[in-house]
């Protein structure tokens, strides 16, 4: 399936993916997390959706929240029983991060007032997916190798592409590039 054809809001694409994606789909469906969070525009982001995960990768879900008190209540009511459950609130940045484990896979929910598709995490994932599709399997394997050596995802992409400056910002600058321009980065 082509990256442009994936509806990132519908996790059913995971059913046709690799073993980790299929297992992730089963876990997410079993705990009904997208139904629980449906009012908050949840989107699975990160390395598992684009198949560059390593053994320690988690399931990251980004949400859009207006009322943090109500959102925290939903998290506590639905997931407090889960292993390692914790909620961290940052009122200065207006974010909530919730973590817990299901079947030894960590799930992290990141909530802010930003529209889910406008968050840096989502935007990074989309450009990373485009880069992998354009630059191919060898490029993808090099990213995974860098991650296995301890680099975070965005710094791994920046290193492999020779991007200068802050890797998180540099990657976002590539959003506006045409595919042919991205091919020339390699």
N, C-alpha and C. Protein backbone atom coordinates (compact mmCIF):
# COMPACT_ATOMS: atom_id res chain seq x y z
N UNK A 1 0.85 -1.18 0.00
CA UNK A 1 0.00 0.00 0.00
C UNK A 1 0.89 1.25 0.00
N UNK A 2 0.56 2.19 -0.83
CA UNK A 2 1.30 3.44 -0.92
C UNK A 2 0.99 4.31 0.30
N UNK A 3 2.00 5.05 0.76
CA UNK A 3 1.85 5.93 1.91
C UNK A 3 0.68 6.89 1.73
N UNK A 4 0.57 7.46 0.54
CA UNK A 4 -0.50 8.44 0.31
C UNK A 4 -1.89 7.82 0.41
N UNK A 5 -1.97 6.50 0.32
CA UNK A 5 -3.26 5.81 0.40
C UNK A 5 -3.65 5.41 1.82
N UNK A 6 -2.75 5.57 2.76
CA UNK A 6 -3.05 5.15 4.14
C UNK A 6 -3.85 6.24 4.85
N UNK A 7 -4.93 5.81 5.46
CA UNK A 7 -5.71 6.70 6.32
C UNK A 7 -5.18 6.48 7.74
N UNK A 8 -4.33 7.37 8.20
CA UNK A 8 -3.67 7.20 9.50
C UNK A 8 -4.66 7.21 10.65
N UNK A 9 -5.87 7.72 10.43
CA UNK A 9 -6.88 7.76 11.50
C UNK A 9 -7.58 6.41 11.69
N UNK A 10 -7.40 5.50 10.76
CA UNK A 10 -8.03 4.19 10.81
C UNK A 10 -6.94 3.13 10.93
N UNK A 11 -6.82 2.52 12.08
CA UNK A 11 -5.71 1.59 12.33
C UNK A 11 -5.84 0.26 11.61
N UNK A 12 -6.86 0.09 10.79
CA UNK A 12 -7.03 -1.19 10.12
C UNK A 12 -5.86 -1.53 9.18
N UNK A 13 -5.08 -0.53 8.75
CA UNK A 13 -3.91 -0.81 7.92
C UNK A 13 -2.91 -1.70 8.66
N UNK A 14 -2.95 -1.69 10.00
CA UNK A 14 -2.04 -2.51 10.79
C UNK A 14 -2.30 -4.01 10.58
N UNK A 15 -3.54 -4.37 10.28
CA UNK A 15 -3.91 -5.78 10.11
C UNK A 15 -3.12 -6.44 8.98
N UNK A 16 -2.71 -5.65 7.99
CA UNK A 16 -2.01 -6.19 6.83
C UNK A 16 -0.49 -6.02 6.94
N UNK A 17 -0.03 -5.52 8.08
CA UNK A 17 1.39 -5.19 8.24
C UNK A 17 2.24 -6.32 8.76
N UNK A 18 3.39 -5.94 9.32
CA UNK A 18 4.32 -6.92 9.87
C UNK A 18 3.79 -7.48 11.20
N UNK A 19 4.53 -8.39 11.80
CA UNK A 19 4.08 -9.03 13.04
C UNK A 19 3.79 -8.02 14.14
N UNK A 20 4.67 -7.04 14.30
CA UNK A 20 4.48 -6.03 15.35
C UNK A 20 3.22 -5.22 15.08
N UNK A 21 2.98 -4.88 13.84
CA UNK A 21 1.78 -4.12 13.51
C UNK A 21 0.51 -4.94 13.78
N UNK A 22 0.53 -6.20 13.41
CA UNK A 22 -0.65 -7.04 13.65
C UNK A 22 -0.89 -7.22 15.14
N UNK A 23 0.18 -7.43 15.90
CA UNK A 23 0.04 -7.55 17.36
C UNK A 23 -0.47 -6.23 17.95
N UNK A 24 0.03 -5.11 17.46
CA UNK A 24 -0.41 -3.80 17.93
C UNK A 24 -1.89 -3.60 17.65
N UNK A 25 -2.31 -3.98 16.46
CA UNK A 25 -3.72 -3.85 16.10
C UNK A 25 -4.58 -4.65 17.07
N UNK A 26 -4.17 -5.87 17.34
CA UNK A 26 -4.94 -6.74 18.25
C UNK A 26 -5.04 -6.12 19.64
N UNK A 27 -3.93 -5.60 20.15
CA UNK A 27 -3.93 -4.97 21.48
C UNK A 27 -4.83 -3.74 21.51
N UNK A 28 -4.67 -2.87 20.53
CA UNK A 28 -5.44 -1.63 20.50
C UNK A 28 -6.94 -1.91 20.37
N UNK A 29 -7.30 -2.91 19.59
CA UNK A 29 -8.71 -3.28 19.46
C UNK A 29 -9.23 -3.91 20.75
N UNK A 30 -8.40 -4.76 21.35
CA UNK A 30 -8.83 -5.46 22.56
C UNK A 30 -9.13 -4.49 23.70
N UNK A 31 -8.32 -3.46 23.84
CA UNK A 31 -8.56 -2.50 24.93
C UNK A 31 -9.48 -1.36 24.49
N UNK A 32 -9.91 -1.40 23.23
CA UNK A 32 -10.91 -0.47 22.73
C UNK A 32 -10.49 0.99 22.84
N UNK A 33 -9.21 1.24 22.73
CA UNK A 33 -8.66 2.56 23.03
C UNK A 33 -9.13 3.64 22.06
N UNK A 34 -9.28 3.31 20.80
CA UNK A 34 -9.71 4.35 19.85
C UNK A 34 -11.18 4.70 20.03
N UNK A 35 -11.96 3.76 20.48
CA UNK A 35 -13.37 4.06 20.80
C UNK A 35 -13.43 4.92 22.07
N UNK A 36 -12.63 4.57 23.06
CA UNK A 36 -12.59 5.35 24.31
C UNK A 36 -12.16 6.79 24.04
N UNK A 37 -11.21 6.97 23.14
CA UNK A 37 -10.64 8.30 22.88
C UNK A 37 -11.26 8.99 21.66
N UNK A 38 -12.33 8.45 21.11
CA UNK A 38 -12.87 8.94 19.83
C UNK A 38 -13.20 10.43 19.83
N UNK A 39 -13.56 10.99 20.96
CA UNK A 39 -13.90 12.42 21.03
C UNK A 39 -12.66 13.31 20.98
N UNK A 40 -11.48 12.71 20.97
CA UNK A 40 -10.23 13.47 21.06
C UNK A 40 -9.35 13.30 19.81
N UNK A 41 -9.94 12.90 18.70
CA UNK A 41 -9.23 12.77 17.43
C UNK A 41 -7.93 11.98 17.57
N UNK A 42 -7.99 10.74 18.12
CA UNK A 42 -6.77 9.96 18.34
C UNK A 42 -6.15 9.46 17.04
N UNK A 43 -4.83 9.55 16.95
CA UNK A 43 -4.10 9.00 15.80
C UNK A 43 -2.87 8.27 16.33
N UNK A 44 -2.69 7.04 15.87
CA UNK A 44 -1.48 6.28 16.19
C UNK A 44 -0.34 6.87 15.37
N UNK A 45 0.73 7.25 16.06
CA UNK A 45 1.88 7.85 15.38
C UNK A 45 3.14 7.08 15.77
N UNK A 46 4.27 7.51 15.25
CA UNK A 46 5.54 6.92 15.68
C UNK A 46 6.09 5.91 14.71
N UNK A 47 6.89 5.01 15.24
CA UNK A 47 7.66 4.10 14.41
C UNK A 47 6.91 2.84 13.98
N UNK A 48 5.99 2.37 14.80
CA UNK A 48 5.27 1.14 14.46
C UNK A 48 4.39 1.31 13.21
N UNK A 49 3.65 2.41 13.08
CA UNK A 49 2.85 2.57 11.86
C UNK A 49 3.68 2.56 10.57
N UNK A 50 4.92 3.04 10.63
CA UNK A 50 5.73 3.12 9.40
C UNK A 50 6.84 2.06 9.36
N UNK A 51 6.73 1.06 10.22
CA UNK A 51 7.58 -0.13 10.21
C UNK A 51 9.07 0.16 10.36
N UNK A 52 9.41 1.10 11.24
CA UNK A 52 10.82 1.31 11.58
C UNK A 52 11.02 1.13 13.08
N UNK A 53 10.13 0.37 13.68
CA UNK A 53 10.20 0.12 15.11
C UNK A 53 11.33 -0.84 15.43
N UNK A 54 11.80 -0.70 16.66
CA UNK A 54 12.78 -1.64 17.20
C UNK A 54 12.13 -2.29 18.42
N UNK A 55 12.84 -3.18 19.07
CA UNK A 55 12.25 -3.94 20.17
C UNK A 55 11.66 -3.05 21.27
N UNK A 56 12.30 -1.92 21.55
CA UNK A 56 11.84 -1.05 22.64
C UNK A 56 10.78 -0.04 22.22
N UNK A 57 10.33 -0.08 20.97
CA UNK A 57 9.35 0.90 20.49
C UNK A 57 8.02 0.75 21.21
N UNK A 58 7.35 1.89 21.39
CA UNK A 58 6.05 1.88 22.03
C UNK A 58 4.98 2.29 21.03
N UNK A 59 3.74 2.21 21.48
CA UNK A 59 2.61 2.65 20.68
C UNK A 59 2.26 4.06 21.13
N UNK A 60 2.46 5.03 20.25
CA UNK A 60 2.21 6.43 20.58
C UNK A 60 0.88 6.86 19.96
N UNK A 61 0.05 7.47 20.77
CA UNK A 61 -1.23 7.98 20.29
C UNK A 61 -1.30 9.45 20.64
N UNK A 62 -1.58 10.26 19.64
CA UNK A 62 -1.71 11.69 19.85
C UNK A 62 -3.20 12.04 19.89
N UNK A 63 -3.57 12.95 20.80
CA UNK A 63 -4.97 13.36 20.94
C UNK A 63 -5.08 14.88 21.02
N UNK A 64 -6.24 15.35 20.64
CA UNK A 64 -6.57 16.78 20.67
C UNK A 64 -7.57 17.01 21.80
N UNK A 65 -7.20 17.86 22.77
CA UNK A 65 -8.01 18.01 23.97
C UNK A 65 -8.27 19.49 24.28
N UNK A 66 -9.51 19.79 24.61
CA UNK A 66 -9.86 21.12 25.08
C UNK A 66 -9.96 21.13 26.61
N UNK A 67 -10.66 20.14 27.15
CA UNK A 67 -10.87 20.07 28.60
C UNK A 67 -9.97 18.98 29.19
N UNK A 68 -8.87 19.41 29.78
CA UNK A 68 -7.89 18.46 30.31
C UNK A 68 -8.40 17.71 31.54
N UNK A 69 -9.26 18.33 32.32
CA UNK A 69 -9.81 17.67 33.51
C UNK A 69 -10.65 16.47 33.08
N UNK A 70 -11.54 16.68 32.13
CA UNK A 70 -12.38 15.59 31.64
C UNK A 70 -11.54 14.50 30.98
N UNK A 71 -10.54 14.91 30.20
CA UNK A 71 -9.68 13.94 29.52
C UNK A 71 -8.93 13.08 30.54
N UNK A 72 -8.41 13.70 31.57
CA UNK A 72 -7.69 12.94 32.60
C UNK A 72 -8.62 11.95 33.28
N UNK A 73 -9.87 12.36 33.52
CA UNK A 73 -10.86 11.45 34.12
C UNK A 73 -11.08 10.23 33.23
N UNK A 74 -11.18 10.45 31.93
CA UNK A 74 -11.35 9.34 30.98
C UNK A 74 -10.16 8.39 31.07
N UNK A 75 -8.95 8.94 31.08
CA UNK A 75 -7.75 8.11 31.17
C UNK A 75 -7.73 7.28 32.44
N UNK A 76 -8.02 7.93 33.56
CA UNK A 76 -8.01 7.22 34.86
C UNK A 76 -9.10 6.15 34.88
N UNK A 77 -10.31 6.51 34.47
CA UNK A 77 -11.42 5.56 34.51
C UNK A 77 -11.18 4.35 33.62
N UNK A 78 -10.56 4.55 32.47
CA UNK A 78 -10.41 3.47 31.49
C UNK A 78 -9.12 2.68 31.62
N UNK A 79 -8.04 3.32 32.05
CA UNK A 79 -6.73 2.66 31.95
C UNK A 79 -5.94 2.56 33.25
N UNK A 80 -6.48 3.07 34.34
CA UNK A 80 -5.75 3.05 35.61
C UNK A 80 -5.38 1.64 36.05
N UNK A 81 -6.17 0.66 35.66
CA UNK A 81 -5.91 -0.73 36.06
C UNK A 81 -4.72 -1.34 35.31
N UNK A 82 -4.25 -0.68 34.28
CA UNK A 82 -3.16 -1.21 33.45
C UNK A 82 -1.82 -1.07 34.15
N UNK A 83 -0.96 -2.02 33.89
CA UNK A 83 0.40 -2.05 34.45
C UNK A 83 1.14 -0.76 34.11
N UNK A 84 1.81 -0.18 35.11
CA UNK A 84 2.64 1.00 34.92
C UNK A 84 1.89 2.28 34.62
N UNK A 85 0.59 2.30 34.90
CA UNK A 85 -0.22 3.49 34.58
C UNK A 85 0.31 4.73 35.30
N UNK A 86 0.48 5.80 34.52
CA UNK A 86 0.82 7.09 35.10
C UNK A 86 0.34 8.19 34.17
N UNK A 87 0.02 9.32 34.78
CA UNK A 87 -0.40 10.50 34.02
C UNK A 87 0.46 11.66 34.49
N UNK A 88 1.06 12.34 33.53
CA UNK A 88 1.86 13.53 33.83
C UNK A 88 1.20 14.72 33.14
N UNK A 89 0.92 15.74 33.93
CA UNK A 89 0.32 16.96 33.39
C UNK A 89 1.36 18.07 33.39
N UNK A 90 1.39 18.82 32.32
CA UNK A 90 2.24 19.99 32.23
C UNK A 90 1.33 21.16 31.89
N UNK A 91 0.92 21.89 32.91
CA UNK A 91 -0.03 22.98 32.70
C UNK A 91 0.60 24.17 31.98
N UNK A 92 1.93 24.29 32.04
CA UNK A 92 2.60 25.38 31.34
C UNK A 92 2.50 25.17 29.83
N UNK A 93 2.76 23.94 29.39
CA UNK A 93 2.69 23.63 27.96
C UNK A 93 1.32 23.13 27.52
N UNK A 94 0.39 22.99 28.46
CA UNK A 94 -0.95 22.47 28.17
C UNK A 94 -0.91 21.09 27.51
N UNK A 95 -0.21 20.17 28.16
CA UNK A 95 -0.17 18.79 27.66
C UNK A 95 -0.41 17.80 28.79
N UNK A 96 -0.86 16.64 28.41
CA UNK A 96 -0.98 15.49 29.31
C UNK A 96 -0.32 14.32 28.60
N UNK A 97 0.49 13.58 29.33
CA UNK A 97 1.08 12.36 28.80
C UNK A 97 0.69 11.22 29.73
N UNK A 98 0.13 10.19 29.16
CA UNK A 98 -0.31 9.02 29.92
C UNK A 98 0.42 7.79 29.38
N UNK A 99 0.96 6.99 30.28
CA UNK A 99 1.67 5.77 29.89
C UNK A 99 1.10 4.58 30.65
N UNK A 100 1.07 3.44 29.98
CA UNK A 100 0.75 2.17 30.62
C UNK A 100 1.16 1.05 29.67
N UNK A 101 1.12 -0.18 30.18
CA UNK A 101 1.55 -1.34 29.40
C UNK A 101 0.39 -2.30 29.19
N UNK A 102 0.39 -2.90 28.00
CA UNK A 102 -0.52 -3.99 27.68
C UNK A 102 0.34 -5.05 27.00
N UNK A 103 0.33 -6.25 27.54
CA UNK A 103 1.14 -7.34 26.98
C UNK A 103 2.61 -6.92 26.79
N UNK A 104 3.15 -6.22 27.75
CA UNK A 104 4.54 -5.76 27.74
C UNK A 104 4.88 -4.78 26.61
N UNK A 105 3.87 -4.20 25.99
CA UNK A 105 4.09 -3.11 25.04
C UNK A 105 3.59 -1.82 25.69
N UNK A 106 4.46 -0.82 25.71
CA UNK A 106 4.07 0.45 26.32
C UNK A 106 3.18 1.23 25.35
N UNK A 107 2.15 1.80 25.93
CA UNK A 107 1.28 2.71 25.18
C UNK A 107 1.45 4.09 25.80
N UNK A 108 1.69 5.08 24.94
CA UNK A 108 1.84 6.45 25.42
C UNK A 108 0.81 7.31 24.70
N UNK A 109 0.01 8.00 25.48
CA UNK A 109 -0.99 8.92 24.94
C UNK A 109 -0.50 10.33 25.22
N UNK A 110 -0.36 11.10 24.15
CA UNK A 110 0.10 12.48 24.26
C UNK A 110 -1.06 13.38 23.84
N UNK A 111 -1.49 14.25 24.75
CA UNK A 111 -2.63 15.12 24.47
C UNK A 111 -2.25 16.58 24.61
N UNK A 112 -2.69 17.37 23.64
CA UNK A 112 -2.48 18.81 23.68
C UNK A 112 -3.70 19.49 23.06
N UNK A 113 -3.69 20.80 23.05
CA UNK A 113 -4.79 21.54 22.43
C UNK A 113 -4.64 21.59 20.91
N UNK A 114 -3.50 21.18 20.40
CA UNK A 114 -3.27 21.18 18.96
C UNK A 114 -4.11 20.12 18.27
N UNK A 115 -4.53 20.43 17.07
CA UNK A 115 -5.21 19.43 16.25
C UNK A 115 -4.23 18.27 16.06
N UNK A 116 -4.69 17.05 16.18
CA UNK A 116 -3.81 15.88 16.12
C UNK A 116 -2.92 15.86 14.89
N UNK A 117 -3.46 16.27 13.74
CA UNK A 117 -2.68 16.26 12.51
C UNK A 117 -1.71 17.43 12.40
N UNK A 118 -1.77 18.35 13.34
CA UNK A 118 -0.85 19.49 13.34
C UNK A 118 0.29 19.30 14.34
N UNK A 119 0.23 18.23 15.13
CA UNK A 119 1.29 17.99 16.11
C UNK A 119 2.58 17.60 15.40
N UNK A 120 3.69 17.93 16.00
CA UNK A 120 4.98 17.58 15.41
C UNK A 120 5.14 16.08 15.26
N UNK A 121 4.64 15.32 16.24
CA UNK A 121 4.76 13.86 16.16
C UNK A 121 4.09 13.29 14.92
N UNK A 122 2.89 13.75 14.63
CA UNK A 122 2.18 13.29 13.44
C UNK A 122 2.91 13.75 12.18
N UNK A 123 3.29 15.01 12.15
CA UNK A 123 3.96 15.57 10.98
C UNK A 123 5.29 14.86 10.71
N UNK A 124 6.04 14.57 11.79
CA UNK A 124 7.29 13.82 11.62
C UNK A 124 7.02 12.45 11.00
N UNK A 125 6.01 11.76 11.51
CA UNK A 125 5.71 10.42 11.01
C UNK A 125 5.38 10.45 9.51
N UNK A 126 4.59 11.42 9.10
CA UNK A 126 4.18 11.49 7.70
C UNK A 126 5.38 11.75 6.79
N UNK A 127 6.24 12.69 7.15
CA UNK A 127 7.42 12.95 6.30
C UNK A 127 8.38 11.76 6.34
N UNK A 128 8.51 11.11 7.49
CA UNK A 128 9.38 9.93 7.58
C UNK A 128 8.84 8.82 6.68
N UNK A 129 7.53 8.64 6.68
CA UNK A 129 6.93 7.62 5.82
C UNK A 129 7.18 7.92 4.35
N UNK A 130 7.04 9.18 3.97
CA UNK A 130 7.32 9.59 2.58
C UNK A 130 8.78 9.30 2.22
N UNK A 131 9.68 9.66 3.12
CA UNK A 131 11.10 9.44 2.86
C UNK A 131 11.41 7.96 2.66
N UNK A 132 10.83 7.13 3.50
CA UNK A 132 11.06 5.68 3.40
C UNK A 132 10.52 5.16 2.07
N UNK A 133 9.33 5.61 1.69
CA UNK A 133 8.75 5.17 0.44
C UNK A 133 9.59 5.63 -0.76
N UNK A 134 10.07 6.85 -0.72
CA UNK A 134 10.84 7.41 -1.84
C UNK A 134 12.26 6.85 -1.90
N UNK A 135 12.90 6.73 -0.73
CA UNK A 135 14.32 6.35 -0.71
C UNK A 135 14.55 4.84 -0.59
N UNK A 136 13.51 4.09 -0.26
CA UNK A 136 13.59 2.65 -0.35
C UNK A 136 14.05 1.87 0.87
N UNK A 137 14.12 0.57 0.66
CA UNK A 137 14.39 -0.39 1.74
C UNK A 137 15.78 -0.21 2.36
N UNK A 138 16.78 0.07 1.55
CA UNK A 138 18.14 0.26 2.07
C UNK A 138 18.17 1.45 3.04
N UNK A 139 17.52 2.53 2.65
CA UNK A 139 17.43 3.71 3.52
C UNK A 139 16.72 3.35 4.82
N UNK A 140 15.60 2.66 4.70
CA UNK A 140 14.82 2.23 5.87
C UNK A 140 15.67 1.39 6.81
N UNK A 141 16.42 0.45 6.25
CA UNK A 141 17.27 -0.42 7.08
C UNK A 141 18.37 0.36 7.79
N UNK A 142 18.89 1.39 7.13
CA UNK A 142 19.90 2.24 7.77
C UNK A 142 19.30 3.02 8.94
N UNK A 143 18.07 3.48 8.80
CA UNK A 143 17.39 4.18 9.90
C UNK A 143 17.21 3.23 11.08
N UNK A 144 16.75 2.03 10.81
CA UNK A 144 16.54 1.04 11.87
C UNK A 144 17.87 0.72 12.56
N UNK A 145 18.93 0.59 11.80
CA UNK A 145 20.25 0.30 12.38
C UNK A 145 20.70 1.44 13.29
N UNK A 146 20.48 2.67 12.87
CA UNK A 146 20.84 3.83 13.71
C UNK A 146 20.01 3.84 15.00
N UNK A 147 18.75 3.49 14.89
CA UNK A 147 17.88 3.43 16.07
C UNK A 147 18.36 2.34 17.03
N UNK A 148 18.77 1.21 16.49
CA UNK A 148 19.26 0.12 17.33
C UNK A 148 20.54 0.50 18.05
N UNK A 149 21.28 1.45 17.47
CA UNK A 149 22.50 1.95 18.12
C UNK A 149 22.21 3.06 19.12
N UNK A 150 20.92 3.39 19.32
CA UNK A 150 20.55 4.33 20.36
C UNK A 150 20.05 5.69 19.92
N UNK A 151 20.07 5.96 18.63
CA UNK A 151 19.56 7.25 18.16
C UNK A 151 18.04 7.26 18.19
N UNK A 152 17.48 8.39 18.55
CA UNK A 152 16.04 8.59 18.44
C UNK A 152 15.70 8.69 16.96
N UNK A 153 14.44 8.58 16.63
CA UNK A 153 14.02 8.51 15.24
C UNK A 153 14.41 9.73 14.42
N UNK A 154 14.04 10.92 14.87
CA UNK A 154 14.30 12.12 14.07
C UNK A 154 15.81 12.37 13.91
N UNK A 155 16.61 12.23 14.96
CA UNK A 155 18.06 12.35 14.76
C UNK A 155 18.62 11.30 13.80
N UNK A 156 18.05 10.10 13.79
CA UNK A 156 18.50 9.07 12.86
C UNK A 156 18.23 9.50 11.41
N UNK A 157 17.05 10.03 11.16
CA UNK A 157 16.73 10.53 9.81
C UNK A 157 17.67 11.67 9.43
N UNK A 158 17.85 12.61 10.34
CA UNK A 158 18.70 13.77 10.06
C UNK A 158 20.13 13.33 9.76
N UNK A 159 20.64 12.39 10.53
CA UNK A 159 22.01 11.90 10.31
C UNK A 159 22.12 11.23 8.95
N UNK A 160 21.18 10.36 8.65
CA UNK A 160 21.23 9.62 7.39
C UNK A 160 21.07 10.55 6.17
N UNK A 161 20.31 11.62 6.35
CA UNK A 161 20.07 12.56 5.24
C UNK A 161 21.09 13.70 5.20
N UNK A 162 21.92 13.79 6.23
CA UNK A 162 22.90 14.88 6.28
C UNK A 162 22.28 16.22 6.58
N UNK A 163 21.16 16.22 7.31
CA UNK A 163 20.49 17.48 7.65
C UNK A 163 21.25 18.19 8.76
N UNK A 164 21.31 19.48 8.69
CA UNK A 164 22.02 20.29 9.69
C UNK A 164 21.03 20.90 10.68
N UNK A 165 21.54 21.29 11.83
CA UNK A 165 20.72 21.96 12.83
C UNK A 165 19.89 20.99 13.66
N UNK A 166 18.85 21.51 14.26
CA UNK A 166 17.95 20.73 15.09
C UNK A 166 17.24 19.68 14.23
N UNK A 167 17.43 18.39 14.51
CA UNK A 167 16.85 17.36 13.64
C UNK A 167 15.33 17.38 13.59
N UNK A 168 14.70 17.78 14.68
CA UNK A 168 13.24 17.81 14.73
C UNK A 168 12.70 18.92 13.83
N UNK A 169 13.35 20.06 13.84
CA UNK A 169 12.96 21.18 12.98
C UNK A 169 13.36 20.92 11.53
N UNK A 170 14.55 20.40 11.33
CA UNK A 170 15.05 20.14 9.97
C UNK A 170 14.14 19.16 9.23
N UNK A 171 13.65 18.16 9.94
CA UNK A 171 12.76 17.19 9.31
C UNK A 171 11.46 17.84 8.88
N UNK A 172 10.92 18.73 9.72
CA UNK A 172 9.67 19.40 9.37
C UNK A 172 9.82 20.29 8.14
N UNK A 173 11.00 20.81 7.92
CA UNK A 173 11.24 21.65 6.74
C UNK A 173 11.08 20.85 5.45
N UNK A 174 11.19 19.53 5.53
CA UNK A 174 11.09 18.69 4.33
C UNK A 174 9.64 18.46 3.89
N UNK A 175 8.67 18.84 4.72
CA UNK A 175 7.27 18.62 4.38
C UNK A 175 6.88 19.21 3.02
N UNK A 176 7.43 20.36 2.73
CA UNK A 176 7.05 21.08 1.50
C UNK A 176 7.85 20.63 0.27
N UNK A 177 8.82 19.75 0.46
CA UNK A 177 9.64 19.29 -0.66
C UNK A 177 8.81 18.40 -1.58
N UNK A 178 9.10 18.51 -2.87
CA UNK A 178 8.53 17.57 -3.84
C UNK A 178 9.29 16.24 -3.71
N UNK A 179 8.66 15.18 -4.18
CA UNK A 179 9.29 13.86 -4.10
C UNK A 179 10.66 13.84 -4.77
N UNK A 180 10.79 14.49 -5.92
CA UNK A 180 12.09 14.51 -6.62
C UNK A 180 13.16 15.20 -5.78
N UNK A 181 12.76 16.26 -5.05
CA UNK A 181 13.71 16.95 -4.18
C UNK A 181 14.14 16.04 -3.03
N UNK A 182 13.21 15.24 -2.51
CA UNK A 182 13.53 14.30 -1.42
C UNK A 182 14.48 13.21 -1.92
N UNK A 183 14.29 12.77 -3.16
CA UNK A 183 15.18 11.75 -3.73
C UNK A 183 16.62 12.25 -3.77
N UNK A 184 16.79 13.53 -4.01
CA UNK A 184 18.13 14.11 -4.13
C UNK A 184 18.83 14.31 -2.79
N UNK A 185 18.13 14.10 -1.68
CA UNK A 185 18.74 14.25 -0.36
C UNK A 185 19.70 13.11 -0.05
N UNK A 186 19.43 11.98 -0.60
CA UNK A 186 20.15 10.74 -0.28
C UNK A 186 21.60 10.80 -0.50
